[in-house]
Amino acid sequence: MDISDKQWEVLEKPLTSIFETSETRGRPRQDARAVLNGILWICRTGAPWADLPGRYPPYQTCHRYHKQWCKSGSWDSVLHALACDPTR
């Protein structure tokens, strides 16, 4: 079960803005919504990162974003926003 469009409207700006940089080198950024859905799948199932289904970005990418979001405090904000979501 992926997040709804209404949930994404609340979460999109905070999650995508923390990783916007002027740096153009390296691999293209993954879609933040797809990454979030992959992270939430891991959290719901308790599965190892390597078992993330192919419909999500690579597990290494999801894991890296999860670590960055935890370190920045964004992950707590995501969980709080989802817990307070009246559209569930």
PDB file of N, CA and C in Angstrom:
ATOM      1  N   MET A   1       0.845  -1.177   0.000  1.00  0.00           N
ATOM      2  CA  MET A   1       0.000   0.000   0.000  1.00  0.00           C
ATOM      3  C   MET A   1       0.887   1.235   0.000  1.00  0.00           C
ATOM      4  N   ASP A   2       0.843   1.988  -1.054  1.00  0.00           N
ATOM      5  CA  ASP A   2       1.643   3.199  -1.179  1.00  0.00           C
ATOM      6  C   ASP A   2       0.870   4.398  -0.647  1.00  0.00           C
ATOM      7  N   ILE A   3       1.580   5.505  -0.422  1.00  0.00           N
ATOM      8  CA  ILE A   3       0.902   6.686   0.108  1.00  0.00           C
ATOM      9  C   ILE A   3      -0.037   7.262  -0.948  1.00  0.00           C
ATOM     10  N   SER A   4      -1.081   7.897  -0.466  1.00  0.00           N
ATOM     11  CA  SER A   4      -2.083   8.464  -1.367  1.00  0.00           C
ATOM     12  C   SER A   4      -1.590   9.803  -1.923  1.00  0.00           C
ATOM     13  N   ASP A   5      -2.296  10.300  -2.929  1.00  0.00           N
ATOM     14  CA  ASP A   5      -1.957  11.600  -3.504  1.00  0.00           C
ATOM     15  C   ASP A   5      -2.084  12.709  -2.468  1.00  0.00           C
ATOM     16  N   LYS A   6      -3.105  12.628  -1.619  1.00  0.00           N
ATOM     17  CA  LYS A   6      -3.290  13.659  -0.589  1.00  0.00           C
ATOM     18  C   LYS A   6      -2.157  13.626   0.432  1.00  0.00           C
ATOM     19  N   GLN A   7      -1.735  12.431   0.809  1.00  0.00           N
ATOM     20  CA  GLN A   7      -0.611  12.323   1.731  1.00  0.00           C
ATOM     21  C   GLN A   7       0.655  12.883   1.096  1.00  0.00           C
ATOM     22  N   TRP A   8       0.859  12.596  -0.182  1.00  0.00           N
ATOM     23  CA  TRP A   8       2.044  13.082  -0.863  1.00  0.00           C
ATOM     24  C   TRP A   8       2.047  14.603  -0.955  1.00  0.00           C
ATOM     25  N   GLU A   9       0.890  15.216  -1.133  1.00  0.00           N
ATOM     26  CA  GLU A   9       0.809  16.677  -1.179  1.00  0.00           C
ATOM     27  C   GLU A   9       1.384  17.294   0.088  1.00  0.00           C
ATOM     28  N   VAL A  10       1.149  16.650   1.224  1.00  0.00           N
ATOM     29  CA  VAL A  10       1.643  17.153   2.505  1.00  0.00           C
ATOM     30  C   VAL A  10       3.151  16.928   2.637  1.00  0.00           C
ATOM     31  N   LEU A  11       3.638  15.809   2.126  1.00  0.00           N
ATOM     32  CA  LEU A  11       5.022  15.413   2.348  1.00  0.00           C
ATOM     33  C   LEU A  11       5.997  15.838   1.255  1.00  0.00           C
ATOM     34  N   GLU A  12       5.493  16.160   0.087  1.00  0.00           N
ATOM     35  CA  GLU A  12       6.366  16.387  -1.070  1.00  0.00           C
ATOM     36  C   GLU A  12       7.381  17.498  -0.853  1.00  0.00           C
ATOM     37  N   LYS A  13       6.935  18.653  -0.471  1.00  0.00           N
ATOM     38  CA  LYS A  13       7.842  19.796  -0.371  1.00  0.00           C
ATOM     39  C   LYS A  13       8.940  19.579   0.670  1.00  0.00           C
ATOM     40  N   PRO A  14       8.612  19.150   1.887  1.00  0.00           N
ATOM     41  CA  PRO A  14       9.696  18.969   2.864  1.00  0.00           C
ATOM     42  C   PRO A  14      10.709  17.905   2.442  1.00  0.00           C
ATOM     43  N   LEU A  15      10.246  16.816   1.856  1.00  0.00           N
ATOM     44  CA  LEU A  15      11.173  15.741   1.506  1.00  0.00           C
ATOM     45  C   LEU A  15      12.046  16.080   0.312  1.00  0.00           C
ATOM     46  N   THR A  16      11.480  16.680  -0.694  1.00  0.00           N
ATOM     47  CA  THR A  16      12.275  16.958  -1.889  1.00  0.00           C
ATOM     48  C   THR A  16      13.176  18.175  -1.704  1.00  0.00           C
ATOM     49  N   SER A  17      12.775  19.129  -0.888  1.00  0.00           N
ATOM     50  CA  SER A  17      13.568  20.356  -0.746  1.00  0.00           C
ATOM     51  C   SER A  17      14.868  20.133   0.007  1.00  0.00           C
ATOM     52  N   ILE A  18      14.952  19.140   0.884  1.00  0.00           N
ATOM     53  CA  ILE A  18      16.177  18.974   1.658  1.00  0.00           C
ATOM     54  C   ILE A  18      17.320  18.420   0.827  1.00  0.00           C
ATOM     55  N   PHE A  19      17.030  17.875  -0.348  1.00  0.00           N
ATOM     56  CA  PHE A  19      18.077  17.318  -1.184  1.00  0.00           C
ATOM     57  C   PHE A  19      18.319  18.106  -2.460  1.00  0.00           C
ATOM     58  N   GLU A  20      17.697  19.262  -2.597  1.00  0.00           N
ATOM     59  CA  GLU A  20      17.937  20.078  -3.778  1.00  0.00           C
ATOM     60  C   GLU A  20      19.297  20.740  -3.638  1.00  0.00           C
ATOM     61  N   THR A  21      20.135  20.527  -4.611  1.00  0.00           N
ATOM     62  CA  THR A  21      21.454  21.159  -4.628  1.00  0.00           C
ATOM     63  C   THR A  21      21.743  21.630  -6.035  1.00  0.00           C
ATOM     64  N   SER A  22      22.767  22.426  -6.153  1.00  0.00           N
ATOM     65  CA  SER A  22      23.168  22.866  -7.478  1.00  0.00           C
ATOM     66  C   SER A  22      24.083  21.846  -8.136  1.00  0.00           C
ATOM     67  N   GLU A  23      24.483  20.838  -7.394  1.00  0.00           N
ATOM     68  CA  GLU A  23      25.367  19.779  -7.903  1.00  0.00           C
ATOM     69  C   GLU A  23      24.665  19.025  -9.032  1.00  0.00           C
ATOM     70  N   THR A  24      25.310  18.918 -10.175  1.00  0.00           N
ATOM     71  CA  THR A  24      24.704  18.218 -11.301  1.00  0.00           C
ATOM     72  C   THR A  24      25.476  16.953 -11.665  1.00  0.00           C
ATOM     73  N   ARG A  25      26.537  16.654 -10.932  1.00  0.00           N
ATOM     74  CA  ARG A  25      27.313  15.448 -11.226  1.00  0.00           C
ATOM     75  C   ARG A  25      26.654  14.242 -10.571  1.00  0.00           C
ATOM     76  N   GLY A  26      27.051  13.066 -11.046  1.00  0.00           N
ATOM     77  CA  GLY A  26      26.548  11.830 -10.458  1.00  0.00           C
ATOM     78  C   GLY A  26      25.289  11.341 -11.129  1.00  0.00           C
ATOM     79  N   ARG A  27      24.686  10.372 -10.486  1.00  0.00           N
ATOM     80  CA  ARG A  27      23.468   9.764 -11.034  1.00  0.00           C
ATOM     81  C   ARG A  27      22.273  10.682 -10.846  1.00  0.00           C
ATOM     82  N   PRO A  28      21.290  10.570 -11.727  1.00  0.00           N
ATOM     83  CA  PRO A  28      20.072  11.377 -11.547  1.00  0.00           C
ATOM     84  C   PRO A  28      19.363  10.970 -10.259  1.00  0.00           C
ATOM     85  N   ARG A  29      18.722  11.914  -9.641  1.00  0.00           N
ATOM     86  CA  ARG A  29      17.995  11.637  -8.402  1.00  0.00           C
ATOM     87  C   ARG A  29      16.787  10.749  -8.683  1.00  0.00           C
ATOM     88  N   GLN A  30      16.489   9.902  -7.733  1.00  0.00           N
ATOM     89  CA  GLN A  30      15.294   9.063  -7.824  1.00  0.00           C
ATOM     90  C   GLN A  30      14.081   9.893  -7.415  1.00  0.00           C
ATOM     91  N   ASP A  31      12.930   9.450  -7.811  1.00  0.00           N
ATOM     92  CA  ASP A  31      11.680  10.086  -7.423  1.00  0.00           C
ATOM     93  C   ASP A  31      11.486   9.909  -5.917  1.00  0.00           C
ATOM     94  N   ALA A  32      11.359  11.016  -5.203  1.00  0.00           N
ATOM     95  CA  ALA A  32      11.265  10.972  -3.739  1.00  0.00           C
ATOM     96  C   ALA A  32      10.039  10.184  -3.273  1.00  0.00           C
ATOM     97  N   ARG A  33       8.948  10.261  -4.020  1.00  0.00           N
ATOM     98  CA  ARG A  33       7.744   9.524  -3.626  1.00  0.00           C
ATOM     99  C   ARG A  33       7.964   8.015  -3.726  1.00  0.00           C
ATOM    100  N   ALA A  34       8.623   7.586  -4.790  1.00  0.00           N
ATOM    101  CA  ALA A  34       8.908   6.163  -4.948  1.00  0.00           C
ATOM    102  C   ALA A  34       9.853   5.682  -3.854  1.00  0.00           C
ATOM    103  N   VAL A  35      10.836   6.505  -3.521  1.00  0.00           N
ATOM    104  CA  VAL A  35      11.761   6.161  -2.440  1.00  0.00           C
ATOM    105  C   VAL A  35      11.003   6.046  -1.123  1.00  0.00           C
ATOM    106  N   LEU A  36      10.141   7.020  -0.841  1.00  0.00           N
ATOM    107  CA  LEU A  36       9.358   6.987   0.394  1.00  0.00           C
ATOM    108  C   LEU A  36       8.493   5.733   0.446  1.00  0.00           C
ATOM    109  N   ASN A  37       7.853   5.388  -0.652  1.00  0.00           N
ATOM    110  CA  ASN A  37       7.028   4.181  -0.674  1.00  0.00           C
ATOM    111  C   ASN A  37       7.865   2.931  -0.410  1.00  0.00           C
ATOM    112  N   GLY A  38       9.081   2.900  -0.946  1.00  0.00           N
ATOM    113  CA  GLY A  38       9.972   1.773  -0.682  1.00  0.00           C
ATOM    114  C   GLY A  38      10.366   1.690   0.780  1.00  0.00           C
ATOM    115  N   ILE A  39      10.681   2.813   1.374  1.00  0.00           N
ATOM    116  CA  ILE A  39      11.039   2.843   2.796  1.00  0.00           C
ATOM    117  C   ILE A  39       9.860   2.394   3.650  1.00  0.00           C
ATOM    118  N   LEU A  40       8.680   2.889   3.321  1.00  0.00           N
ATOM    119  CA  LEU A  40       7.495   2.500   4.090  1.00  0.00           C
ATOM    120  C   LEU A  40       7.197   1.014   3.927  1.00  0.00           C
ATOM    121  N   TRP A  41       7.485   0.452   2.755  1.00  0.00           N
ATOM    122  CA  TRP A  41       7.289  -0.986   2.562  1.00  0.00           C
ATOM    123  C   TRP A  41       8.193  -1.767   3.508  1.00  0.00           C
ATOM    124  N   ILE A  42       9.449  -1.348   3.623  1.00  0.00           N
ATOM    125  CA  ILE A  42      10.389  -1.999   4.539  1.00  0.00           C
ATOM    126  C   ILE A  42       9.894  -1.873   5.977  1.00  0.00           C
ATOM    127  N   CYS A  43       9.431  -0.694   6.346  1.00  0.00           N
ATOM    128  CA  CYS A  43       8.950  -0.476   7.714  1.00  0.00           C
ATOM    129  C   CYS A  43       7.722  -1.329   8.024  1.00  0.00           C
ATOM    130  N   ARG A  44       6.815  -1.457   7.060  1.00  0.00           N
ATOM    131  CA  ARG A  44       5.598  -2.256   7.275  1.00  0.00           C
ATOM    132  C   ARG A  44       5.888  -3.748   7.357  1.00  0.00           C
ATOM    133  N   THR A  45       6.803  -4.223   6.516  1.00  0.00           N
ATOM    134  CA  THR A  45       7.024  -5.664   6.436  1.00  0.00           C
ATOM    135  C   THR A  45       8.115  -6.163   7.373  1.00  0.00           C
ATOM    136  N   GLY A  46       9.052  -5.291   7.727  1.00  0.00           N
ATOM    137  CA  GLY A  46      10.179  -5.723   8.537  1.00  0.00           C
ATOM    138  C   GLY A  46      11.188  -6.538   7.748  1.00  0.00           C
ATOM    139  N   ALA A  47      11.066  -6.541   6.440  1.00  0.00           N
ATOM    140  CA  ALA A  47      11.967  -7.312   5.573  1.00  0.00           C
ATOM    141  C   ALA A  47      13.335  -6.637   5.506  1.00  0.00           C
ATOM    142  N   PRO A  48      14.366  -7.400   5.159  1.00  0.00           N
ATOM    143  CA  PRO A  48      15.678  -6.793   4.936  1.00  0.00           C
ATOM    144  C   PRO A  48      15.631  -5.869   3.718  1.00  0.00           C
ATOM    145  N   TRP A  49      16.511  -4.870   3.710  1.00  0.00           N
ATOM    146  CA  TRP A  49      16.540  -3.925   2.598  1.00  0.00           C
ATOM    147  C   TRP A  49      16.701  -4.625   1.260  1.00  0.00           C
ATOM    148  N   ALA A  50      17.498  -5.650   1.213  1.00  0.00           N
ATOM    149  CA  ALA A  50      17.767  -6.345  -0.050  1.00  0.00           C
ATOM    150  C   ALA A  50      16.527  -7.027  -0.625  1.00  0.00           C
ATOM    151  N   ASP A  51      15.482  -7.215   0.182  1.00  0.00           N
ATOM    152  CA  ASP A  51      14.253  -7.855  -0.291  1.00  0.00           C
ATOM    153  C   ASP A  51      13.225  -6.861  -0.822  1.00  0.00           C
ATOM    154  N   LEU A  52      13.607  -5.594  -0.955  1.00  0.00           N
ATOM    155  CA  LEU A  52      12.689  -4.580  -1.475  1.00  0.00           C
ATOM    156  C   LEU A  52      12.256  -4.963  -2.894  1.00  0.00           C
ATOM    157  N   PRO A  53      10.941  -5.005  -3.167  1.00  0.00           N
ATOM    158  CA  PRO A  53      10.464  -5.400  -4.500  1.00  0.00           C
ATOM    159  C   PRO A  53      10.959  -4.463  -5.598  1.00  0.00           C
ATOM    160  N   GLY A  54      11.009  -4.975  -6.800  1.00  0.00           N
ATOM    161  CA  GLY A  54      11.505  -4.232  -7.948  1.00  0.00           C
ATOM    162  C   GLY A  54      10.661  -3.048  -8.367  1.00  0.00           C
ATOM    163  N   ARG A  55       9.449  -2.931  -7.868  1.00  0.00           N
ATOM    164  CA  ARG A  55       8.615  -1.786  -8.252  1.00  0.00           C
ATOM    165  C   ARG A  55       9.074  -0.491  -7.569  1.00  0.00           C
ATOM    166  N   TYR A  56       9.986  -0.620  -6.605  1.00  0.00           N
ATOM    167  CA  TYR A  56      10.562   0.531  -5.910  1.00  0.00           C
ATOM    168  C   TYR A  56      11.972   0.769  -6.437  1.00  0.00           C
ATOM    169  N   PRO A  57      12.545   1.935  -6.136  1.00  0.00           N
ATOM    170  CA  PRO A  57      13.942   2.166  -6.530  1.00  0.00           C
ATOM    171  C   PRO A  57      14.865   1.133  -5.866  1.00  0.00           C
ATOM    172  N   PRO A  58      16.106   1.051  -6.297  1.00  0.00           N
ATOM    173  CA  PRO A  58      17.035   0.088  -5.695  1.00  0.00           C
ATOM    174  C   PRO A  58      17.090   0.227  -4.171  1.00  0.00           C
ATOM    175  N   TYR A  59      17.250  -0.903  -3.501  1.00  0.00           N
ATOM    176  CA  TYR A  59      17.226  -0.871  -2.044  1.00  0.00           C
ATOM    177  C   TYR A  59      18.349  -0.003  -1.481  1.00  0.00           C
ATOM    178  N   GLN A  60      19.487   0.059  -2.169  1.00  0.00           N
ATOM    179  CA  GLN A  60      20.586   0.883  -1.686  1.00  0.00           C
ATOM    180  C   GLN A  60      20.189   2.359  -1.670  1.00  0.00           C
ATOM    181  N   THR A  61      19.452   2.772  -2.677  1.00  0.00           N
ATOM    182  CA  THR A  61      18.981   4.152  -2.770  1.00  0.00           C
ATOM    183  C   THR A  61      17.994   4.448  -1.646  1.00  0.00           C
ATOM    184  N   CYS A  62      17.027   3.568  -1.453  1.00  0.00           N
ATOM    185  CA  CYS A  62      16.034   3.769  -0.392  1.00  0.00           C
ATOM    186  C   CYS A  62      16.709   3.811   0.975  1.00  0.00           C
ATOM    187  N   HIS A  63      17.662   2.916   1.183  1.00  0.00           N
ATOM    188  CA  HIS A  63      18.365   2.874   2.468  1.00  0.00           C
ATOM    189  C   HIS A  63      19.155   4.165   2.701  1.00  0.00           C
ATOM    190  N   ARG A  64      19.829   4.642   1.656  1.00  0.00           N
ATOM    191  CA  ARG A  64      20.611   5.881   1.782  1.00  0.00           C
ATOM    192  C   ARG A  64      19.701   7.074   2.105  1.00  0.00           C
ATOM    193  N   TYR A  65      18.592   7.189   1.405  1.00  0.00           N
ATOM    194  CA  TYR A  65      17.665   8.278   1.695  1.00  0.00           C
ATOM    195  C   TYR A  65      17.103   8.149   3.114  1.00  0.00           C
ATOM    196  N   HIS A  66      16.783   6.937   3.523  1.00  0.00           N
ATOM    197  CA  HIS A  66      16.251   6.731   4.871  1.00  0.00           C
ATOM    198  C   HIS A  66      17.259   7.206   5.914  1.00  0.00           C
ATOM    199  N   LYS A  67      18.521   6.857   5.733  1.00  0.00           N
ATOM    200  CA  LYS A  67      19.558   7.306   6.670  1.00  0.00           C
ATOM    201  C   LYS A  67      19.667   8.831   6.671  1.00  0.00           C
ATOM    202  N   GLN A  68      19.624   9.448   5.490  1.00  0.00           N
ATOM    203  CA  GLN A  68      19.726  10.909   5.403  1.00  0.00           C
ATOM    204  C   GLN A  68      18.523  11.575   6.070  1.00  0.00           C
ATOM    205  N   TRP A  69      17.318  11.036   5.807  1.00  0.00           N
ATOM    206  CA  TRP A  69      16.119  11.616   6.394  1.00  0.00           C
ATOM    207  C   TRP A  69      16.107  11.442   7.909  1.00  0.00           C
ATOM    208  N   CYS A  70      16.607  10.317   8.418  1.00  0.00           N
ATOM    209  CA  CYS A  70      16.701  10.118   9.867  1.00  0.00           C
ATOM    210  C   CYS A  70      17.676  11.115  10.476  1.00  0.00           C
ATOM    211  N   LYS A  71      18.813  11.278   9.832  1.00  0.00           N
ATOM    212  CA  LYS A  71      19.850  12.174  10.346  1.00  0.00           C
ATOM    213  C   LYS A  71      19.372  13.626  10.370  1.00  0.00           C
ATOM    214  N   SER A  72      18.629  14.028   9.355  1.00  0.00           N
ATOM    215  CA  SER A  72      18.171  15.418   9.271  1.00  0.00           C
ATOM    216  C   SER A  72      16.926  15.695  10.113  1.00  0.00           C
ATOM    217  N   GLY A  73      16.281  14.640  10.609  1.00  0.00           N
ATOM    218  CA  GLY A  73      15.042  14.816  11.369  1.00  0.00           C
ATOM    219  C   GLY A  73      13.801  14.784  10.500  1.00  0.00           C
ATOM    220  N   SER A  74      13.994  14.673   9.189  1.00  0.00           N
ATOM    221  CA  SER A  74      12.844  14.652   8.275  1.00  0.00           C
ATOM    222  C   SER A  74      11.995  13.407   8.462  1.00  0.00           C
ATOM    223  N   TRP A  75      12.616  12.297   8.808  1.00  0.00           N
ATOM    224  CA  TRP A  75      11.862  11.052   8.965  1.00  0.00           C
ATOM    225  C   TRP A  75      10.850  11.169  10.098  1.00  0.00           C
ATOM    226  N   ASP A  76      11.227  11.805  11.200  1.00  0.00           N
ATOM    227  CA  ASP A  76      10.279  12.029  12.294  1.00  0.00           C
ATOM    228  C   ASP A  76       9.096  12.868  11.826  1.00  0.00           C
ATOM    229  N   SER A  77       9.378  13.870  10.998  1.00  0.00           N
ATOM    230  CA  SER A  77       8.307  14.713  10.462  1.00  0.00           C
ATOM    231  C   SER A  77       7.374  13.916   9.553  1.00  0.00           C
ATOM    232  N   VAL A  78       7.949  13.023   8.753  1.00  0.00           N
ATOM    233  CA  VAL A  78       7.138  12.185   7.865  1.00  0.00           C
ATOM    234  C   VAL A  78       6.215  11.299   8.695  1.00  0.00           C
ATOM    235  N   LEU A  79       6.782  10.631   9.676  1.00  0.00           N
ATOM    236  CA  LEU A  79       5.968   9.740  10.505  1.00  0.00           C
ATOM    237  C   LEU A  79       4.882  10.491  11.249  1.00  0.00           C
ATOM    238  N   HIS A  80       5.220  11.677  11.748  1.00  0.00           N
ATOM    239  CA  HIS A  80       4.216  12.495  12.460  1.00  0.00           C
ATOM    240  C   HIS A  80       3.101  12.909  11.503  1.00  0.00           C
ATOM    241  N   ALA A  81       3.470  13.331  10.297  1.00  0.00           N
ATOM    242  CA  ALA A  81       2.455  13.759   9.324  1.00  0.00           C
ATOM    243  C   ALA A  81       1.550  12.596   8.933  1.00  0.00           C
ATOM    244  N   LEU A  82       2.131  11.411   8.765  1.00  0.00           N
ATOM    245  CA  LEU A  82       1.321  10.252   8.400  1.00  0.00           C
ATOM    246  C   LEU A  82       0.437   9.798   9.568  1.00  0.00           C
ATOM    247  N   ALA A  83       0.953   9.906  10.784  1.00  0.00           N
ATOM    248  CA  ALA A  83       0.165   9.511  11.957  1.00  0.00           C
ATOM    249  C   ALA A  83      -1.014  10.451  12.185  1.00  0.00           C
ATOM    250  N   CYS A  84      -0.846  11.716  11.837  1.00  0.00           N
ATOM    251  CA  CYS A  84      -1.906  12.721  12.040  1.00  0.00           C
ATOM    252  C   CYS A  84      -2.828  12.844  10.833  1.00  0.00           C
ATOM    253  N   ASP A  85      -2.596  12.029   9.812  1.00  0.00           N
ATOM    254  CA  ASP A  85      -3.346  12.121   8.563  1.00  0.00           C
ATOM    255  C   ASP A  85      -4.815  11.764   8.760  1.00  0.00           C
ATOM    256  N   PRO A  86      -5.713  12.714   8.529  1.00  0.00           N
ATOM    257  CA  PRO A  86      -7.147  12.440   8.690  1.00  0.00           C
ATOM    258  C   PRO A  86      -7.738  11.658   7.526  1.00  0.00           C
ATOM    259  N   THR A  87      -6.998  11.466   6.428  1.00  0.00           N
ATOM    260  CA  THR A  87      -7.552  10.777   5.265  1.00  0.00           C
ATOM    261  C   THR A  87      -7.323   9.277   5.306  1.00  0.00           C
ATOM    262  N   ARG A  88      -6.697   8.748   6.367  1.00  0.00           N
ATOM    263  CA  ARG A  88      -6.426   7.305   6.436  1.00  0.00           C
ATOM    264  C   ARG A  88      -7.714   6.530   6.519  1.00  0.00           C
TER     265      ARG A  88
END
